[in-house]
Amino acid sequence: MDDQETFTLKDIALDTRATKLNTEAILTRLTVLESRVSTIEDNVKSVTTLSDDVSEMKKTISLLSARLVRTEITADRMHNELVSLKSHSMKNNLIFSFDSSTDIGRDIRGEDSIGVIRSFLATVMHVPDVDKMFIPVAHRLGKPVQGKTRAILAQFPVSSQLGMVLKHTNRLRGTRHYVNKQTPQPVKERQQFSMDAFKENRGSARLVNDKLYIDGRLQTQFQEVSLPYSDHVVPIDAASVPVGNVIQDAGSLFKGYALPANTLVEVKKCMNLILQLPHVTNSSHIIYAYRVESTDTSKVLENFNSDDDHIMGLDLLKMLCSRDARNTLCSPR
C-alpha cells in the first residue's frame, strides 16, 4: 500500500513538472504572437499613413496637371503670337535662290549684296526702274559652301515695289533661279497643305496667305496638338505599342509608331504613351500626323507637326490621306 501511494505521488510530481513546462512554452508562444500582432498593427498604421500620402500625392499631381495644362495653353498662345510677329517682320522680305551652275548671283566674298539683287532683277527678271527701288537690307543666308551659291535675303519695304518684283517671277520659269517670300516654317507648312486642299477644291476654294476658304467658309479642320502633353500619364509596356522597322538614312535613324485614336483627347493620350518609350525620350525630332473623324460634324480633323525637320510631317499626313486612314495617329522619330 505504501509503495502504491509513493508511485502515485511520483507520477503526480512528473505530471506537474510537465504541465509547468507546457505552460511556460505556451506563455513563450503567446509572447511571440503578441510581438507579431504588435508588428502587424504597426504595419497597418504605416499602410494607413502611406494611403494618406498617396491621396495627397494624387491631389498634388492633379493640381500640377491643371497648372501644366494652363502652361501649355499659354505656351501655345505665345507660340502663335511669335509666329504672327515673325510673319509681320518677314512680310517685306524676299529670298533669291540662284542656279549654282551659272555665274548669275555668284557668291563672292566682300560683294555688294544689294548690287547683286539689282543686277539680277534687271538682267534676269527684267524688272523696270530697278535703280529707283528702295532695298535697305540684303545679305547672304548661311555659311559659305564650296561649289554652292548661297541665297540672298532682300528687303522691299515699299509694297508696290515688292509687288512689282513678285509680278515678274514668271520670267524665272524654266530656270533654276527662284524668288520666294520669307515666311516662318509653321506658316509655310500650313500654306503648302492648304495649297493641296485648294487644288482639290478648285472653283469653290479661295486661299488667303495660309488660310483656306471653301464656299466662303474658313476651314478650321487643321487643328494643332502641342507637345508635350499633360493628360494623365499612364505607364505602359513598350511592347504594347505597334512599331515599324528601323530605317537609317543620312546618318539618322527613323522608327515609326501607330496607334488608334478616335478623338483629339485620345490623340494627346496616345502621344503621351509614345513619349514614354525609352528610345523616344532621347530623339532629336518627334514628328507626327493624325486624322480623326469628328462624331459631331462628320468632318475629318487632321494636322501634322514636322518639329523643324523640313516637311516630313506634311508628307506623313499626305500618306494618311492617300490611304484614307481615319482615327489614326502616326509618329516616326
Protein backbone atom coordinates (compact mmCIF):
# COMPACT_ATOMS: atom_id res chain seq x y z
CA MET A 1 0.00 0.00 0.00
CA ASP A 2 2.84 2.40 0.84
CA ASP A 3 4.64 1.51 -2.41
CA GLN A 4 1.50 2.21 -4.45
CA GLU A 5 0.98 5.60 -2.81
CA THR A 6 4.65 6.52 -3.37
CA PHE A 7 4.40 5.60 -7.06
CA THR A 8 1.33 7.71 -7.45
CA LEU A 9 2.96 10.77 -5.84
CA LYS A 10 5.93 10.40 -8.17
CA ASP A 11 3.60 10.35 -11.17
CA ILE A 12 1.82 13.43 -9.90
CA ALA A 13 5.12 15.26 -9.47
CA LEU A 14 6.20 14.37 -13.01
CA ASP A 15 2.87 15.42 -14.44
CA THR A 16 3.07 18.70 -12.52
CA ARG A 17 6.55 19.38 -13.89
CA ALA A 18 5.43 18.57 -17.46
CA THR A 19 2.42 20.80 -17.06
CA LYS A 20 4.68 23.62 -15.85
CA LEU A 21 6.95 23.20 -18.88
CA ASN A 22 3.99 23.19 -21.23
CA THR A 23 2.62 26.32 -19.57
CA GLU A 24 5.96 28.10 -19.96
CA ALA A 25 6.10 27.08 -23.66
CA ILE A 26 2.57 28.40 -24.17
CA LEU A 27 3.49 31.65 -22.45
CA THR A 28 6.57 31.94 -24.69
CA ARG A 29 4.44 31.39 -27.77
CA LEU A 30 1.89 33.92 -26.56
CA THR A 31 4.69 36.44 -26.10
CA VAL A 32 5.90 35.81 -29.67
CA LEU A 33 2.35 36.10 -31.00
CA GLU A 34 1.83 39.28 -29.06
CA SER A 35 5.00 40.71 -30.61
CA ARG A 36 3.83 39.71 -34.08
CA VAL A 37 0.42 41.25 -33.52
CA SER A 38 2.12 44.44 -32.41
CA THR A 39 4.23 44.40 -35.57
CA ILE A 40 1.14 43.86 -37.72
CA GLU A 41 -0.60 46.76 -36.00
CA ASP A 42 2.42 48.97 -36.72
CA ASN A 43 2.36 47.85 -40.36
CA VAL A 44 -1.35 48.63 -40.59
CA LYS A 45 -0.66 52.10 -39.24
CA SER A 46 2.14 52.51 -41.80
CA VAL A 47 -0.16 51.38 -44.63
CA THR A 48 -2.81 53.82 -43.46
CA THR A 49 -0.23 56.61 -43.39
CA LEU A 50 1.03 55.55 -46.83
CA SER A 51 -2.52 55.57 -48.17
CA ASP A 52 -2.97 59.10 -46.87
CA ASP A 53 0.32 60.08 -48.50
CA VAL A 54 -0.82 58.58 -51.81
CA SER A 55 -4.07 60.53 -51.60
CA GLU A 56 -2.13 63.73 -51.02
CA MET A 57 0.18 62.89 -53.92
CA LYS A 58 -2.82 62.34 -56.18
CA LYS A 59 -4.18 65.75 -55.22
CA THR A 60 -0.78 67.32 -55.86
CA ILE A 61 -0.49 65.59 -59.25
CA SER A 62 -3.98 66.78 -60.16
CA LEU A 63 -3.05 70.37 -59.27
CA LEU A 64 0.24 70.13 -61.17
CA SER A 65 -1.58 68.66 -64.18
CA ALA A 66 -4.03 71.56 -64.19
CA ARG A 67 -1.14 74.03 -63.94
CA LEU A 68 0.66 72.27 -66.79
CA VAL A 69 -2.44 72.47 -68.95
CA ARG A 70 -2.64 76.21 -68.32
CA THR A 71 1.07 76.49 -69.07
CA GLU A 72 0.59 74.63 -72.35
CA ILE A 73 -2.28 76.92 -73.31
CA THR A 74 -0.11 79.94 -72.53
CA ALA A 75 2.80 78.42 -74.47
CA ASP A 76 0.53 77.78 -77.45
CA ARG A 77 -0.74 81.33 -77.37
CA MET A 78 2.79 82.70 -77.12
CA HIS A 79 3.88 80.42 -79.96
CA ASN A 80 1.06 81.67 -82.18
CA GLU A 81 1.88 85.27 -81.27
CA LEU A 82 5.54 84.66 -82.05
CA VAL A 83 4.68 83.15 -85.43
CA SER A 84 2.43 86.14 -86.09
CA LEU A 85 5.21 88.57 -85.17
CA LYS A 86 7.67 86.69 -87.37
CA SER A 87 5.21 86.77 -90.26
CA HIS A 88 4.77 90.51 -89.83
CA SER A 89 8.52 91.16 -89.66
CA MET A 90 9.14 88.98 -92.75
CA LYS A 91 6.29 90.26 -94.91
CA ASN A 92 8.57 92.56 -96.96
CA ASN A 93 11.41 90.05 -97.33
CA LEU A 94 12.20 88.04 -100.44
CA ILE A 95 14.65 85.16 -100.72
CA PHE A 96 16.57 84.92 -104.00
CA SER A 97 17.97 81.45 -104.79
CA PHE A 98 20.41 81.15 -107.68
CA ASP A 99 21.48 78.37 -110.03
CA SER A 100 24.95 77.29 -108.84
CA SER A 101 25.92 76.18 -112.34
CA THR A 102 25.78 79.76 -113.69
CA ASP A 103 27.69 82.92 -112.87
CA ILE A 104 24.47 84.77 -112.04
CA GLY A 105 24.36 85.63 -108.36
CA ARG A 106 27.78 84.07 -107.81
CA ASP A 107 28.79 84.09 -104.15
CA ILE A 108 31.81 86.40 -103.93
CA ARG A 109 33.48 87.40 -100.71
CA GLY A 110 33.11 91.10 -99.88
CA GLU A 111 30.42 91.59 -102.51
CA ASP A 112 27.67 94.20 -102.56
CA SER A 113 24.59 92.02 -102.00
CA ILE A 114 22.21 94.86 -102.82
CA GLY A 115 24.06 95.38 -106.12
CA VAL A 116 23.78 91.65 -106.88
CA ILE A 117 20.00 91.81 -106.36
CA ARG A 118 19.62 94.92 -108.53
CA SER A 119 21.62 93.26 -111.30
CA PHE A 120 19.56 90.07 -111.05
CA LEU A 121 16.28 92.00 -111.17
CA ALA A 122 17.38 93.97 -114.22
CA THR A 123 19.13 91.29 -116.32
CA VAL A 124 17.25 88.11 -115.46
CA MET A 125 13.79 89.18 -114.33
CA HIS A 126 13.65 92.37 -116.46
CA VAL A 127 12.03 94.40 -113.71
CA PRO A 128 11.71 98.09 -114.74
CA ASP A 129 13.13 101.00 -112.73
CA VAL A 130 15.37 98.79 -110.62
CA ASP A 131 17.67 101.72 -109.76
CA LYS A 132 14.73 103.54 -108.14
CA MET A 133 13.82 100.62 -105.88
CA PHE A 134 14.44 101.05 -102.16
CA ILE A 135 16.34 97.99 -100.89
CA PRO A 136 17.71 98.89 -97.44
CA VAL A 137 18.95 95.41 -96.49
CA ALA A 138 20.31 92.42 -98.42
CA HIS A 139 22.62 89.64 -97.23
CA ARG A 140 23.57 86.04 -97.88
CA LEU A 141 21.97 83.23 -95.87
CA GLY A 142 24.01 80.55 -94.13
CA LYS A 143 27.69 79.73 -94.17
CA PRO A 144 29.73 79.59 -97.41
CA VAL A 145 29.89 76.13 -99.02
CA GLN A 146 32.40 75.29 -101.74
CA GLY A 147 30.72 74.93 -105.14
CA LYS A 148 27.34 76.28 -104.00
CA THR A 149 25.77 79.71 -104.28
CA ARG A 150 24.08 80.92 -101.13
CA ALA A 151 20.66 82.53 -101.35
CA ILE A 152 20.24 86.23 -100.65
CA LEU A 153 17.57 87.73 -98.42
CA ALA A 154 16.49 91.20 -99.53
CA GLN A 155 14.01 93.63 -98.01
CA PHE A 156 11.49 95.61 -100.08
CA PRO A 157 9.63 97.88 -97.62
CA VAL A 158 7.70 99.65 -100.42
CA SER A 159 4.73 97.38 -101.12
CA SER A 160 4.33 98.50 -104.73
CA GLN A 161 7.96 97.62 -105.48
CA LEU A 162 7.58 94.27 -103.71
CA GLY A 163 4.52 93.54 -105.82
CA MET A 164 6.42 94.50 -108.97
CA VAL A 165 9.18 92.00 -108.22
CA LEU A 166 6.69 89.21 -107.47
CA LYS A 167 4.80 90.03 -110.66
CA HIS A 168 7.93 89.32 -112.71
CA THR A 169 8.76 85.97 -111.10
CA ASN A 170 7.13 84.26 -114.10
CA ARG A 171 10.28 85.23 -116.04
CA LEU A 172 12.14 82.59 -114.00
CA ARG A 173 10.16 79.65 -115.40
CA GLY A 174 12.41 77.10 -116.99
CA THR A 175 15.39 78.27 -114.94
CA ARG A 176 16.84 77.12 -111.63
CA HIS A 177 16.52 80.57 -110.13
CA TYR A 178 13.78 81.10 -107.54
CA VAL A 179 12.25 84.05 -105.69
CA ASN A 180 10.04 83.34 -102.68
CA LYS A 181 8.54 85.34 -99.85
CA GLN A 182 10.16 84.68 -96.49
CA THR A 183 7.70 83.05 -94.11
CA PRO A 184 8.04 81.19 -90.77
CA GLN A 185 8.19 77.40 -91.06
CA PRO A 186 4.76 76.74 -89.42
CA VAL A 187 3.11 79.18 -91.85
CA LYS A 188 4.99 77.63 -94.77
CA GLU A 189 3.72 74.15 -93.84
CA ARG A 190 0.14 75.37 -93.50
CA GLN A 191 0.41 77.18 -96.83
CA GLN A 192 1.64 74.06 -98.59
CA PHE A 193 -1.07 71.89 -97.07
CA SER A 194 -3.74 74.50 -97.81
CA MET A 195 -2.48 74.71 -101.39
CA ASP A 196 -3.03 70.98 -101.87
CA ALA A 197 -6.56 71.28 -100.48
CA PHE A 198 -7.08 74.35 -102.67
CA LYS A 199 -6.18 72.36 -105.80
CA GLU A 200 -8.60 69.59 -104.83
CA ASN A 201 -11.44 72.13 -104.39
CA ARG A 202 -10.59 74.37 -107.32
CA GLY A 203 -13.51 76.63 -108.20
CA SER A 204 -15.03 76.75 -104.71
CA ALA A 205 -11.83 77.45 -102.76
CA ARG A 206 -10.01 80.69 -102.05
CA LEU A 207 -6.54 80.87 -100.48
CA VAL A 208 -5.56 83.93 -98.41
CA ASN A 209 -1.98 83.59 -97.13
CA ASP A 210 -2.12 80.35 -95.08
CA LYS A 211 -5.92 80.45 -94.61
CA LEU A 212 -8.17 78.35 -96.81
CA TYR A 213 -11.78 79.30 -97.59
CA ILE A 214 -14.12 76.81 -99.26
CA ASP A 215 -17.53 78.13 -100.31
CA GLY A 216 -16.77 81.25 -98.27
CA ARG A 217 -16.15 79.35 -95.04
CA LEU A 218 -12.82 79.35 -93.26
CA GLN A 219 -11.54 75.80 -92.97
CA THR A 220 -10.54 75.12 -89.35
CA GLN A 221 -10.02 71.36 -89.54
CA PHE A 222 -6.26 71.75 -89.31
CA GLN A 223 -6.14 71.74 -85.52
CA GLU A 224 -2.85 71.66 -83.69
CA VAL A 225 -1.82 69.48 -80.75
CA SER A 226 1.05 70.82 -78.72
CA LEU A 227 3.97 68.93 -77.22
CA PRO A 228 4.44 67.86 -74.52
CA TYR A 229 1.05 66.52 -73.46
CA SER A 230 -0.31 66.88 -69.95
CA ASP A 231 -3.22 64.44 -69.94
CA HIS A 232 -2.98 61.60 -67.45
CA VAL A 233 0.31 59.77 -67.86
CA VAL A 234 -0.34 56.04 -67.96
CA PRO A 235 2.70 53.76 -67.50
CA ILE A 236 2.87 51.27 -70.36
CA ASP A 237 4.84 48.35 -71.62
CA ALA A 238 6.89 49.38 -74.65
CA ALA A 239 5.98 46.11 -76.37
CA SER A 240 2.29 47.12 -76.39
CA VAL A 241 2.85 49.99 -78.87
CA PRO A 242 2.86 48.93 -82.56
CA VAL A 243 6.21 49.87 -84.10
CA GLY A 244 7.60 49.67 -87.63
CA ASN A 245 11.03 48.70 -88.90
CA VAL A 246 14.01 50.93 -88.17
CA ILE A 247 15.14 52.90 -91.23
CA GLN A 248 18.57 54.53 -91.46
CA ASP A 249 19.05 57.44 -93.83
CA ALA A 250 21.82 60.06 -93.99
CA GLY A 251 23.11 59.08 -90.58
CA SER A 252 19.70 59.36 -88.91
CA LEU A 253 17.55 56.56 -87.52
CA PHE A 254 13.78 56.57 -88.06
CA LYS A 255 11.26 54.40 -86.23
CA GLY A 256 7.50 54.70 -86.72
CA TYR A 257 4.66 54.17 -84.24
CA ALA A 258 0.94 53.87 -84.99
CA LEU A 259 -1.96 53.94 -82.55
CA PRO A 260 -5.76 54.19 -82.92
CA ALA A 261 -7.29 57.49 -81.77
CA ASN A 262 -10.97 58.38 -82.09
CA THR A 263 -10.85 61.90 -80.60
CA LEU A 264 -8.35 64.72 -80.17
CA VAL A 265 -8.14 63.83 -76.49
CA GLU A 266 -7.14 60.30 -77.45
CA VAL A 267 -4.54 61.76 -79.84
CA LYS A 268 -2.95 63.58 -76.91
CA LYS A 269 -3.05 60.49 -74.72
CA CYS A 270 -1.53 58.35 -77.48
CA MET A 271 1.27 60.86 -77.93
CA ASN A 272 1.76 60.71 -74.18
CA LEU A 273 2.20 56.95 -74.47
CA ILE A 274 4.72 57.29 -77.29
CA LEU A 275 6.68 59.93 -75.39
CA GLN A 276 7.18 57.45 -72.53
CA LEU A 277 9.01 54.96 -74.73
CA PRO A 278 12.72 54.79 -73.79
CA HIS A 279 14.06 55.39 -77.31
CA VAL A 280 11.72 58.34 -77.95
CA THR A 281 12.84 60.37 -74.93
CA ASN A 282 16.30 60.79 -76.48
CA SER A 283 15.07 61.62 -80.00
CA SER A 284 16.23 64.83 -81.63
CA HIS A 285 12.93 65.21 -83.52
CA ILE A 286 9.41 64.00 -82.75
CA ILE A 287 7.23 64.09 -85.85
CA TYR A 288 3.56 63.14 -86.02
CA ALA A 289 0.41 63.30 -88.11
CA TYR A 290 -3.16 62.33 -87.31
CA ARG A 291 -6.60 62.06 -88.89
CA VAL A 292 -9.65 61.87 -86.62
CA GLU A 293 -13.25 61.74 -87.81
CA SER A 294 -15.42 64.09 -85.75
CA THR A 295 -18.60 62.48 -84.45
CA ASP A 296 -20.30 65.90 -84.19
CA THR A 297 -19.68 67.35 -87.65
CA SER A 298 -18.61 64.21 -89.59
CA LYS A 299 -15.54 66.17 -90.69
CA VAL A 300 -12.08 64.73 -90.60
CA LEU A 301 -9.84 66.66 -88.20
CA GLU A 302 -6.25 66.38 -89.33
CA ASN A 303 -2.91 68.00 -88.70
CA PHE A 304 0.80 67.34 -88.55
CA ASN A 305 3.99 68.56 -86.88
CA SER A 306 7.40 68.40 -88.56
CA ASP A 307 9.32 69.59 -85.48
CA ASP A 308 11.55 71.81 -87.70
CA ASP A 309 12.52 68.77 -89.81
CA HIS A 310 11.60 70.24 -93.23
CA ILE A 311 8.12 68.99 -94.24
CA MET A 312 8.28 65.37 -93.12
CA GLY A 313 5.12 65.79 -91.04
CA LEU A 314 3.27 67.05 -94.12
CA ASP A 315 4.44 64.05 -96.17
CA LEU A 316 3.26 61.75 -93.39
CA LEU A 317 -0.19 63.37 -93.38
CA LYS A 318 -0.37 63.09 -97.18
CA MET A 319 0.34 59.38 -96.85
CA LEU A 320 -2.54 59.01 -94.35
CA CYS A 321 -4.83 60.96 -96.71
CA SER A 322 -3.86 58.85 -99.73
CA ARG A 323 -4.86 55.72 -97.82
CA ASP A 324 -7.96 57.39 -96.36
CA ALA A 325 -6.72 56.39 -92.90
CA ARG A 326 -9.02 57.69 -90.18
CA ASN A 327 -8.88 57.72 -86.38
CA THR A 328 -5.16 57.09 -86.69
CA LEU A 329 -2.05 58.65 -85.21
CA CYS A 330 1.38 58.03 -86.76
CA SER A 331 4.61 59.24 -85.24
CA PRO A 332 8.01 58.39 -86.75
CA ARG A 333 11.03 59.65 -84.89
